[in-house]
Amino acid sequence: MKELVEVVAKALVDNPDEVVVTEKTEGRYTVIELHVAASDMGKVIGKQGRIAKAIRTVVKAASSKDDTRVDVEIV
């Protein structure tokens, strides 16, 4: 899942070198933290959070095969 979020985020931002994705797993629950440059924050979140919601939806759909719960946090 970490790689999926990283690929999507790098495609959206102007500074792909500053994209950092970390993954924390506890049992069947995983938190993926996405760090981007301050100037790219709006591009990752989108108007009214639509892009962020789309990223979370794609990750949730991809994680349903593994029977785990994945949450994406944009930091």
N, C-alpha and C. Protein backbone atom coordinates (compact mmCIF):
# COMPACT_ATOMS: atom_id res chain seq x y z
N MET A 1 0.82 -1.19 0.00
CA MET A 1 0.00 0.00 0.00
C MET A 1 0.86 1.26 0.00
N LYS A 2 1.99 1.18 0.68
CA LYS A 2 2.89 2.33 0.78
C LYS A 2 3.33 2.78 -0.61
N GLU A 3 3.67 1.82 -1.47
CA GLU A 3 4.13 2.15 -2.81
C GLU A 3 3.02 2.79 -3.63
N LEU A 4 1.80 2.31 -3.45
CA LEU A 4 0.66 2.86 -4.18
C LEU A 4 0.45 4.34 -3.84
N VAL A 5 0.47 4.67 -2.56
CA VAL A 5 0.29 6.05 -2.13
C VAL A 5 1.43 6.92 -2.64
N GLU A 6 2.64 6.38 -2.61
CA GLU A 6 3.81 7.13 -3.06
C GLU A 6 3.73 7.45 -4.56
N VAL A 7 3.32 6.49 -5.37
CA VAL A 7 3.22 6.70 -6.82
C VAL A 7 2.15 7.74 -7.13
N VAL A 8 1.00 7.64 -6.48
CA VAL A 8 -0.08 8.59 -6.72
C VAL A 8 0.32 10.00 -6.29
N ALA A 9 0.94 10.12 -5.12
CA ALA A 9 1.32 11.43 -4.61
C ALA A 9 2.38 12.08 -5.49
N LYS A 10 3.37 11.31 -5.92
CA LYS A 10 4.42 11.88 -6.77
C LYS A 10 3.88 12.35 -8.11
N ALA A 11 2.82 11.72 -8.58
CA ALA A 11 2.22 12.14 -9.85
C ALA A 11 1.45 13.46 -9.70
N LEU A 12 1.00 13.77 -8.48
CA LEU A 12 0.19 14.96 -8.26
C LEU A 12 0.99 16.23 -7.96
N VAL A 13 2.16 16.10 -7.35
CA VAL A 13 2.86 17.27 -6.81
C VAL A 13 3.90 17.83 -7.78
N ASP A 14 4.35 19.06 -7.48
CA ASP A 14 5.41 19.70 -8.27
C ASP A 14 6.80 19.28 -7.79
N ASN A 15 6.91 18.91 -6.51
CA ASN A 15 8.20 18.52 -5.91
C ASN A 15 8.15 17.05 -5.50
N PRO A 16 8.28 16.12 -6.44
CA PRO A 16 8.17 14.71 -6.08
C PRO A 16 9.30 14.21 -5.18
N ASP A 17 10.42 14.93 -5.14
CA ASP A 17 11.52 14.52 -4.28
C ASP A 17 11.20 14.70 -2.80
N GLU A 18 10.24 15.57 -2.48
CA GLU A 18 9.90 15.84 -1.09
C GLU A 18 8.74 14.99 -0.58
N VAL A 19 8.28 14.03 -1.37
CA VAL A 19 7.21 13.13 -0.94
C VAL A 19 7.82 12.03 -0.08
N VAL A 20 7.30 11.89 1.14
CA VAL A 20 7.76 10.85 2.06
C VAL A 20 6.53 10.10 2.56
N VAL A 21 6.57 8.78 2.43
CA VAL A 21 5.45 7.95 2.87
C VAL A 21 5.98 6.98 3.92
N THR A 22 5.32 6.97 5.09
CA THR A 22 5.68 6.03 6.14
C THR A 22 4.49 5.14 6.44
N GLU A 23 4.78 3.93 6.89
CA GLU A 23 3.73 2.95 7.14
C GLU A 23 3.92 2.37 8.54
N LYS A 24 2.84 2.39 9.33
CA LYS A 24 2.87 1.83 10.68
C LYS A 24 1.79 0.76 10.76
N THR A 25 2.18 -0.45 11.15
CA THR A 25 1.23 -1.56 11.20
C THR A 25 1.09 -2.06 12.62
N GLU A 26 -0.15 -2.25 13.04
CA GLU A 26 -0.46 -2.85 14.34
C GLU A 26 -1.54 -3.91 14.10
N GLY A 27 -1.13 -5.16 14.06
CA GLY A 27 -2.09 -6.23 13.81
C GLY A 27 -2.65 -6.13 12.41
N ARG A 28 -3.98 -6.02 12.29
CA ARG A 28 -4.64 -5.91 10.99
C ARG A 28 -4.96 -4.46 10.64
N TYR A 29 -4.41 -3.50 11.38
CA TYR A 29 -4.66 -2.08 11.15
C TYR A 29 -3.37 -1.40 10.72
N THR A 30 -3.42 -0.66 9.64
CA THR A 30 -2.24 0.01 9.10
C THR A 30 -2.55 1.49 8.90
N VAL A 31 -1.60 2.34 9.30
CA VAL A 31 -1.70 3.78 9.07
C VAL A 31 -0.59 4.18 8.12
N ILE A 32 -0.97 4.82 7.03
CA ILE A 32 0.00 5.31 6.06
C ILE A 32 0.02 6.84 6.17
N GLU A 33 1.19 7.39 6.48
CA GLU A 33 1.33 8.84 6.62
C GLU A 33 2.01 9.39 5.37
N LEU A 34 1.40 10.41 4.79
CA LEU A 34 1.92 11.04 3.58
C LEU A 34 2.41 12.44 3.93
N HIS A 35 3.69 12.68 3.70
CA HIS A 35 4.29 14.00 3.94
C HIS A 35 4.67 14.59 2.59
N VAL A 36 4.21 15.82 2.33
CA VAL A 36 4.56 16.53 1.10
C VAL A 36 5.02 17.93 1.45
N ALA A 37 5.59 18.63 0.47
CA ALA A 37 6.02 20.01 0.67
C ALA A 37 4.80 20.88 0.95
N ALA A 38 4.99 21.94 1.70
CA ALA A 38 3.88 22.83 2.06
C ALA A 38 3.21 23.42 0.82
N SER A 39 3.99 23.69 -0.20
CA SER A 39 3.42 24.28 -1.41
C SER A 39 2.57 23.27 -2.20
N ASP A 40 2.78 21.98 -1.96
CA ASP A 40 2.03 20.94 -2.67
C ASP A 40 0.84 20.40 -1.87
N MET A 41 0.64 20.89 -0.67
CA MET A 41 -0.41 20.37 0.18
C MET A 41 -1.79 20.51 -0.47
N GLY A 42 -2.05 21.63 -1.10
CA GLY A 42 -3.34 21.86 -1.74
C GLY A 42 -3.59 20.91 -2.91
N LYS A 43 -2.54 20.53 -3.60
CA LYS A 43 -2.69 19.62 -4.73
C LYS A 43 -3.03 18.21 -4.27
N VAL A 44 -2.53 17.82 -3.12
CA VAL A 44 -2.80 16.48 -2.60
C VAL A 44 -4.17 16.42 -1.95
N ILE A 45 -4.59 17.51 -1.31
CA ILE A 45 -5.89 17.52 -0.64
C ILE A 45 -7.01 17.79 -1.66
N GLY A 46 -6.82 18.76 -2.53
CA GLY A 46 -7.82 19.07 -3.54
C GLY A 46 -8.94 19.94 -3.00
N LYS A 47 -9.81 20.39 -3.89
CA LYS A 47 -10.94 21.21 -3.48
C LYS A 47 -11.89 20.39 -2.65
N GLN A 48 -12.20 20.88 -1.47
CA GLN A 48 -13.09 20.24 -0.51
C GLN A 48 -12.65 18.81 -0.19
N GLY A 49 -11.34 18.54 -0.32
CA GLY A 49 -10.80 17.24 0.06
C GLY A 49 -11.10 16.12 -0.91
N ARG A 50 -11.45 16.44 -2.12
CA ARG A 50 -11.85 15.41 -3.08
C ARG A 50 -10.71 14.49 -3.48
N ILE A 51 -9.52 15.04 -3.70
CA ILE A 51 -8.39 14.21 -4.11
C ILE A 51 -7.95 13.33 -2.95
N ALA A 52 -7.90 13.89 -1.74
CA ALA A 52 -7.55 13.09 -0.57
C ALA A 52 -8.53 11.95 -0.37
N LYS A 53 -9.80 12.23 -0.56
CA LYS A 53 -10.83 11.19 -0.42
C LYS A 53 -10.66 10.12 -1.49
N ALA A 54 -10.30 10.52 -2.70
CA ALA A 54 -10.08 9.56 -3.79
C ALA A 54 -8.89 8.67 -3.49
N ILE A 55 -7.81 9.25 -2.95
CA ILE A 55 -6.64 8.45 -2.59
C ILE A 55 -7.02 7.43 -1.52
N ARG A 56 -7.77 7.86 -0.52
CA ARG A 56 -8.19 6.94 0.54
C ARG A 56 -9.09 5.83 -0.01
N THR A 57 -9.96 6.16 -0.95
CA THR A 57 -10.85 5.17 -1.54
C THR A 57 -10.07 4.12 -2.32
N VAL A 58 -9.09 4.54 -3.10
CA VAL A 58 -8.28 3.61 -3.87
C VAL A 58 -7.49 2.69 -2.95
N VAL A 59 -6.91 3.25 -1.90
CA VAL A 59 -6.13 2.45 -0.96
C VAL A 59 -7.03 1.47 -0.22
N LYS A 60 -8.21 1.92 0.17
CA LYS A 60 -9.15 1.03 0.86
C LYS A 60 -9.57 -0.12 -0.04
N ALA A 61 -9.81 0.16 -1.32
CA ALA A 61 -10.19 -0.89 -2.25
C ALA A 61 -9.05 -1.88 -2.46
N ALA A 62 -7.83 -1.38 -2.55
CA ALA A 62 -6.67 -2.25 -2.74
C ALA A 62 -6.39 -3.09 -1.50
N SER A 63 -6.69 -2.56 -0.32
CA SER A 63 -6.40 -3.29 0.91
C SER A 63 -7.49 -4.30 1.25
N SER A 64 -8.63 -4.24 0.59
CA SER A 64 -9.71 -5.16 0.90
C SER A 64 -9.33 -6.61 0.55
N LYS A 65 -8.42 -6.79 -0.40
CA LYS A 65 -7.95 -8.14 -0.74
C LYS A 65 -7.16 -8.76 0.40
N ASP A 66 -6.43 -7.94 1.14
CA ASP A 66 -5.56 -8.43 2.21
C ASP A 66 -6.30 -8.58 3.53
N ASP A 67 -7.58 -8.19 3.56
CA ASP A 67 -8.40 -8.25 4.77
C ASP A 67 -7.77 -7.46 5.91
N THR A 68 -7.26 -6.26 5.58
CA THR A 68 -6.70 -5.37 6.59
C THR A 68 -7.38 -4.01 6.46
N ARG A 69 -7.32 -3.23 7.52
CA ARG A 69 -7.88 -1.88 7.50
C ARG A 69 -6.73 -0.90 7.35
N VAL A 70 -6.80 -0.06 6.33
CA VAL A 70 -5.73 0.89 6.03
C VAL A 70 -6.32 2.29 6.08
N ASP A 71 -5.61 3.18 6.78
CA ASP A 71 -6.03 4.58 6.87
C ASP A 71 -4.89 5.45 6.35
N VAL A 72 -5.20 6.44 5.52
CA VAL A 72 -4.19 7.34 4.95
C VAL A 72 -4.33 8.69 5.63
N GLU A 73 -3.24 9.16 6.23
CA GLU A 73 -3.21 10.47 6.88
C GLU A 73 -2.25 11.37 6.11
N ILE A 74 -2.72 12.56 5.77
CA ILE A 74 -1.87 13.54 5.09
C ILE A 74 -1.36 14.50 6.15
N VAL A 75 -0.05 14.48 6.35
CA VAL A 75 0.56 15.26 7.43
C VAL A 75 1.24 16.48 6.85
